[in-house]
Protein backbone atom coordinates (compact mmCIF):
# COMPACT_ATOMS: atom_id res chain seq x y z
CA UNK A 1 20.48 9.27 -1.90
CA UNK A 2 19.30 7.54 1.27
CA UNK A 3 17.98 10.59 3.09
CA UNK A 4 14.32 10.61 4.02
CA UNK A 5 13.98 14.21 2.83
CA UNK A 6 14.58 13.29 -0.81
CA UNK A 7 12.64 15.36 -3.33
CA UNK A 8 9.60 13.59 -4.78
CA UNK A 9 10.78 14.20 -8.34
CA UNK A 10 13.92 12.17 -7.62
CA UNK A 11 11.82 9.35 -6.19
CA UNK A 12 9.51 9.40 -9.22
CA UNK A 13 12.46 9.43 -11.62
CA UNK A 14 13.75 6.22 -10.04
CA UNK A 15 10.58 4.30 -9.21
CA UNK A 16 7.82 5.80 -11.36
CA UNK A 17 4.27 4.84 -10.40
CA UNK A 18 2.79 1.38 -10.02
CA UNK A 19 -0.80 2.58 -10.50
CA UNK A 20 -0.21 4.51 -13.69
CA UNK A 21 -3.38 3.25 -15.41
CA UNK A 22 -5.56 4.49 -12.55
CA UNK A 23 -3.85 7.89 -12.69
CA UNK A 24 -4.45 8.16 -16.43
CA UNK A 25 -8.10 7.17 -15.92
CA UNK A 26 -8.57 9.91 -13.31
CA UNK A 27 -6.83 12.56 -15.40
CA UNK A 28 -8.83 11.76 -18.54
CA UNK A 29 -12.10 12.08 -16.65
CA UNK A 30 -10.90 15.23 -14.87
CA UNK A 31 -10.07 16.86 -18.21
CA UNK A 32 -13.39 15.72 -19.66
CA UNK A 33 -15.40 17.23 -16.80
CA UNK A 34 -13.30 20.41 -16.97
CA UNK A 35 -14.15 20.71 -20.65
CA UNK A 36 -17.86 20.21 -19.90
CA UNK A 37 -17.80 22.86 -17.15
CA UNK A 38 -16.21 25.36 -19.57
CA UNK A 39 -18.92 24.58 -22.11
CA UNK A 40 -21.57 25.25 -19.46
CA UNK A 41 -19.91 28.59 -18.70
CA UNK A 42 -19.56 29.67 -22.35
CA UNK A 43 -22.98 28.47 -23.48
CA UNK A 44 -24.98 29.06 -20.35
CA UNK A 45 -27.90 30.85 -22.05
CA UNK A 46 -28.38 28.26 -24.83
CA UNK A 47 -28.30 25.54 -22.16
CA UNK A 48 -30.98 27.44 -20.21
CA UNK A 49 -33.11 27.58 -23.35
CA UNK A 50 -32.64 23.83 -23.72
CA UNK A 51 -33.95 23.24 -20.20
CA UNK A 52 -36.85 25.59 -20.93
CA UNK A 53 -37.66 23.47 -23.96
CA UNK A 54 -38.23 20.62 -21.51
CA UNK A 55 -41.23 22.55 -20.17
CA UNK A 56 -39.36 24.01 -17.17
CA UNK A 57 -40.09 27.58 -16.03
CA UNK A 58 -37.39 30.13 -16.84
CA UNK A 59 -36.19 30.32 -13.21
CA UNK A 60 -36.13 26.56 -12.80
CA UNK A 61 -34.28 26.18 -16.12
CA UNK A 62 -31.55 28.62 -15.04
CA UNK A 63 -31.25 26.83 -11.69
CA UNK A 64 -30.99 23.42 -13.41
CA UNK A 65 -28.33 24.68 -15.81
CA UNK A 66 -26.35 26.35 -13.05
CA UNK A 67 -26.61 23.35 -10.74
CA UNK A 68 -25.51 20.93 -13.48
CA UNK A 69 -22.57 23.15 -14.42
CA UNK A 70 -21.52 23.49 -10.77
CA UNK A 71 -21.64 19.73 -10.21
CA UNK A 72 -19.58 19.22 -13.35
CA UNK A 73 -16.93 21.73 -12.20
CA UNK A 74 -16.80 20.24 -8.68
CA UNK A 75 -16.42 16.77 -10.18
CA UNK A 76 -13.45 17.98 -12.21
CA UNK A 77 -11.81 19.48 -9.12
CA UNK A 78 -12.38 16.27 -7.12
CA UNK A 79 -10.91 14.12 -9.89
CA UNK A 80 -7.82 16.33 -10.15
CA UNK A 81 -7.46 16.16 -6.36
CA UNK A 82 -7.75 12.36 -6.42
CA UNK A 83 -5.10 12.17 -9.15
CA UNK A 84 -2.79 14.42 -7.16
CA UNK A 85 -3.33 12.39 -3.99
CA UNK A 86 -2.51 9.20 -5.88
CA UNK A 87 0.77 10.67 -7.14
CA UNK A 88 1.62 11.88 -3.63
CA UNK A 89 0.68 8.56 -2.00
CA UNK A 90 2.54 6.46 -4.57
CA UNK A 91 5.72 8.51 -4.50
CA UNK A 92 6.51 10.97 -1.69
CA UNK A 93 4.31 9.41 1.00
CA UNK A 94 5.39 5.87 0.08
CA UNK A 95 9.02 6.89 0.49
CA UNK A 96 8.39 8.60 3.84
CA UNK A 97 6.39 5.66 5.18
CA UNK A 98 9.16 3.29 4.07
CA UNK A 99 11.60 5.26 6.23
CA UNK A 100 9.20 5.05 9.17
CA UNK A 101 8.80 1.31 8.70
CA UNK A 102 12.54 0.81 8.67
CA UNK A 103 12.85 2.84 11.88
CA UNK A 104 10.31 0.53 13.57
CA UNK A 105 13.05 -2.13 13.75
CA UNK A 106 15.32 -1.25 16.66
CA UNK A 107 18.47 -3.16 15.70
CA UNK A 108 19.33 -3.82 12.07
CA UNK A 109 22.89 -4.90 12.87
CA UNK A 110 21.68 -8.39 13.79
CA UNK A 111 19.41 -8.81 10.75
CA UNK A 112 20.67 -11.44 8.32
CA UNK A 113 17.57 -12.08 6.23
CA UNK A 114 14.65 -9.73 5.57
CA UNK A 115 11.61 -10.11 3.32
CA UNK A 116 9.45 -7.51 1.57
CA UNK A 117 6.08 -9.03 0.67
CA UNK A 118 4.61 -7.36 -2.42
CA UNK A 119 7.75 -5.38 -3.17
CA UNK A 120 6.56 -3.81 -6.43
CA UNK A 121 9.27 -1.59 -7.88
CA UNK A 122 11.19 -1.57 -4.63
CA UNK A 123 10.72 1.64 -2.62
CA UNK A 124 10.47 -0.22 0.69
CA UNK A 125 12.75 -3.02 -0.48
CA UNK A 126 15.55 -0.57 -1.22
CA UNK A 127 14.92 1.37 2.00
CA UNK A 128 15.62 -1.87 3.89
CA UNK A 129 18.70 -2.55 1.76
CA UNK A 130 19.97 0.99 2.43
CA UNK A 131 19.61 0.39 6.15
CA UNK A 132 21.55 -2.87 5.89
CA UNK A 133 24.25 -1.08 3.92
CA UNK A 134 24.35 1.74 6.46
CA UNK A 135 24.88 -0.78 9.28
CA UNK A 136 27.66 -2.47 7.33
CA UNK A 137 25.62 -5.66 7.53
CA UNK A 138 26.18 -8.80 5.54
CA UNK A 139 22.42 -9.30 5.51
CA UNK A 140 20.17 -9.61 2.48
CA UNK A 141 16.60 -8.58 1.70
CA UNK A 142 14.33 -10.59 -0.58
CA UNK A 143 11.59 -8.87 -2.57
CA UNK A 144 8.58 -11.05 -3.40
CA UNK A 145 5.85 -10.18 -5.88
CA UNK A 146 3.47 -12.15 -8.08
CA UNK A 147 3.94 -9.81 -11.00
CA UNK A 148 6.98 -9.99 -13.25
CA UNK A 149 8.70 -6.92 -11.79
CA UNK A 150 12.09 -8.51 -11.12
CA UNK A 151 13.95 -6.61 -13.85
CA UNK A 152 12.57 -3.19 -12.89
CA UNK A 153 13.04 -3.89 -9.17
CA UNK A 154 16.67 -4.90 -9.59
CA UNK A 155 17.18 -1.85 -11.82
CA UNK A 156 16.02 0.49 -9.04
CA UNK A 157 18.28 -1.33 -6.57
CA UNK A 158 21.19 -0.72 -8.92
CA UNK A 159 20.35 2.98 -9.17
CA UNK A 160 20.23 3.20 -5.37
CA UNK A 161 23.57 1.40 -5.12
CA UNK A 162 22.27 -1.51 -3.05
CA UNK A 163 22.02 -4.27 -5.65
CA UNK A 164 24.37 -6.53 -3.66
CA UNK A 165 21.87 -6.54 -0.79
CA UNK A 166 18.76 -7.32 -2.87
CA UNK A 167 17.32 -10.44 -4.47
CA UNK A 168 13.87 -10.89 -6.00
CA UNK A 169 11.47 -13.81 -6.30
CA UNK A 170 8.08 -14.33 -7.84
CA UNK A 171 5.57 -16.01 -5.57
CA UNK A 172 2.16 -16.00 -3.93
CA UNK A 173 2.00 -14.19 -0.59
CA UNK A 174 -0.66 -16.67 0.54
CA UNK A 175 1.89 -19.50 0.20
CA UNK A 176 5.28 -17.95 0.78
CA UNK A 177 8.02 -20.08 -0.80
CA UNK A 178 10.19 -20.04 2.32
CA UNK A 179 10.66 -22.36 5.27
CA UNK A 180 9.37 -21.71 8.78
CA UNK A 181 11.31 -19.32 11.02
CA UNK A 182 13.53 -18.06 8.18
CA UNK A 183 13.51 -14.24 8.31
CA UNK A 184 14.60 -11.81 11.00
CA UNK A 185 12.35 -9.07 9.60
CA UNK A 186 9.31 -9.15 7.31
CA UNK A 187 7.84 -5.93 5.89
CA UNK A 188 5.02 -5.10 3.50
CA UNK A 189 3.69 -1.78 2.18
CA UNK A 190 0.16 -1.19 0.80
CA UNK A 191 -0.07 -4.72 -0.52
CA UNK A 192 -2.07 -7.02 1.76
CA UNK A 193 -5.38 -5.18 1.16
CA UNK A 194 -5.19 -6.19 -2.51
CA UNK A 195 -5.02 -9.91 -1.76
CA UNK A 196 -8.36 -11.63 -2.34
CA UNK A 197 -9.89 -8.65 -4.12
CA UNK A 198 -11.27 -11.05 -6.74
CA UNK A 199 -13.78 -12.08 -4.05
CA UNK A 200 -14.78 -8.47 -3.30
CA UNK A 201 -13.02 -6.29 -0.75
CA UNK A 202 -15.61 -6.64 2.02
CA UNK A 203 -16.43 -10.32 1.70
CA UNK A 204 -15.53 -13.02 4.22
CA UNK A 205 -13.55 -14.84 1.52
CA UNK A 206 -11.37 -11.77 0.87
CA UNK A 207 -10.80 -11.28 4.61
CA UNK A 208 -9.75 -14.94 4.86
CA UNK A 209 -7.18 -14.45 2.10
CA UNK A 210 -5.73 -11.41 3.85
CA UNK A 211 -5.50 -13.33 7.11
CA UNK A 212 -3.78 -16.16 5.27
CA UNK A 213 -1.08 -13.72 4.14
CA UNK A 214 -0.69 -12.48 7.69
CA UNK A 215 -0.36 -16.06 8.92
CA UNK A 216 2.36 -16.69 6.34
CA UNK A 217 4.23 -13.58 7.47
CA UNK A 218 4.19 -14.90 11.04
CA UNK A 219 5.19 -18.39 9.92
CA UNK A 220 8.36 -17.32 8.11
CA UNK A 221 9.46 -14.99 10.91
CA UNK A 222 12.07 -16.30 13.28
CA UNK A 223 11.19 -16.34 16.98
CA UNK A 224 12.02 -12.84 18.14
CA UNK A 225 11.66 -11.54 14.58
CA UNK A 226 9.86 -8.29 13.76
CA UNK A 227 7.03 -7.73 11.29
CA UNK A 228 6.06 -4.27 9.99
CA UNK A 229 3.02 -3.78 7.73
CA UNK A 230 1.72 -0.52 6.28
CA UNK A 231 -1.70 -1.00 4.76
CA UNK A 232 -5.05 0.57 4.00
CA UNK A 233 -8.47 0.21 5.67
CA UNK A 234 -8.09 -3.32 7.08
CA UNK A 235 -5.42 -2.76 9.74
CA UNK A 236 -7.86 -3.35 12.66
CA UNK A 237 -8.41 -6.87 11.26
CA UNK A 238 -4.66 -7.45 11.24
CA UNK A 239 -4.31 -6.31 14.83
CA UNK A 240 -7.05 -8.67 15.95
CA UNK A 241 -5.48 -11.59 14.10
CA UNK A 242 -2.03 -10.82 15.49
CA UNK A 243 -3.49 -10.81 18.98
CA UNK A 244 -5.07 -14.20 18.29
CA UNK A 245 -1.67 -15.47 17.13
CA UNK A 246 -0.19 -14.13 20.37
CA UNK A 247 2.27 -11.75 18.79
CA UNK A 248 4.03 -9.37 21.16
CA UNK A 249 4.71 -5.61 21.13
CA UNK A 250 1.86 -4.94 18.69
CA UNK A 251 1.94 -1.23 17.86
CA UNK A 252 -0.28 0.79 15.53
CA UNK A 253 0.74 4.19 14.18
CA UNK A 254 -1.49 7.23 13.96
CA UNK A 255 -3.84 7.47 10.99
CA UNK A 256 -2.28 8.60 7.72
CA UNK A 257 -4.43 9.37 4.67
CA UNK A 258 -3.12 7.50 1.64
CA UNK A 259 -4.86 6.87 -1.68
CA UNK A 260 -7.87 8.82 -0.29
CA UNK A 261 -8.45 6.39 2.60
CA UNK A 262 -7.03 5.78 6.08
CA UNK A 263 -3.83 3.84 6.56
CA UNK A 264 -1.71 2.73 9.51
CA UNK A 265 1.60 1.03 10.19
CA UNK A 266 1.30 -2.01 12.45
CA UNK A 267 4.45 -3.56 13.89
CA UNK A 268 4.83 -6.66 16.05
CA UNK A 269 7.33 -9.19 17.35
CA UNK A 270 7.06 -12.95 17.18
CA UNK A 271 7.58 -14.36 20.69
CA UNK A 272 10.73 -16.35 21.35
CA UNK A 273 8.69 -18.99 23.15
CA UNK A 274 4.96 -19.60 22.96
CA UNK A 275 3.89 -20.74 26.41
CA UNK A 276 0.90 -23.07 26.42
CA UNK A 277 -1.56 -23.29 29.26
CA UNK A 278 -3.62 -26.33 30.28
CA UNK A 279 -5.79 -27.57 27.43
CA UNK A 280 -4.17 -25.23 24.88
CA UNK A 281 -2.58 -26.27 21.59
CA UNK A 282 0.14 -24.69 19.48
CA UNK A 283 -1.24 -22.19 16.96
CA UNK A 284 -1.12 -22.93 13.25
CA UNK A 285 0.54 -19.93 11.63
CA UNK A 286 -0.64 -20.99 8.18
CA UNK A 287 -4.30 -20.14 8.92
CA UNK A 288 -5.47 -23.01 6.76
CA UNK A 289 -8.73 -23.33 8.66
CA UNK A 290 -9.96 -19.80 8.02
CA UNK A 291 -12.98 -19.67 5.75
């Protein structure tokens, strides 16, 4: 059950999809545009006559009908492709990336406490728990999410046979309900980009909220602890902020297309000791002054 080559149907049977409403939306529109394109094909001549009734020349009317039908068919294909990519990204790719994130931590045998920020239904959470189980560790992993997913998350942990390694909490990633320097490892998968979306994805306010989450991740990490974040679009911002916070061993994976956009895994290590030069002050991990 813990092999990275697991079939996507098995993964879907356990975890389902967290963006089911979006998938349904895409499929409904794809079917609608497919139906329209078939109508254009079956009733091409009457549609041409309609365009001619709008005072278009016969040639221009046929071109307009053909162009409209082609655009409709292409739209249907694009919508089906987007729906398929969402299923792939939410299930098979999410599982594979979770395995890669777990492998970014060199030594799990020393991990006592791990945190998954934005755990959802638990693909990454359970991948961490499987690794702890594989190492014979007495460690535990905490899954945190604002939504009430605790029951479904614990159910998937039970199916995977790692329920004794998993606990769940509801909380806000911008104010993690944990003390400083608590976790050996903190992970997060395709979650941080959603924080602050109520302000608009490309606004300064939204960027500040994302940086606040990143600051919280750093705060709760123990010195020497490892953070691993897989996210969409905004990873360059995270790298810049991690550099400002003087994290060490910052590594960025190659580009992976997920949910129709670019994504990367960024990993880093919190330094054991933050050396201060003349005139420097200790950094505030909480990022409370970002605006």
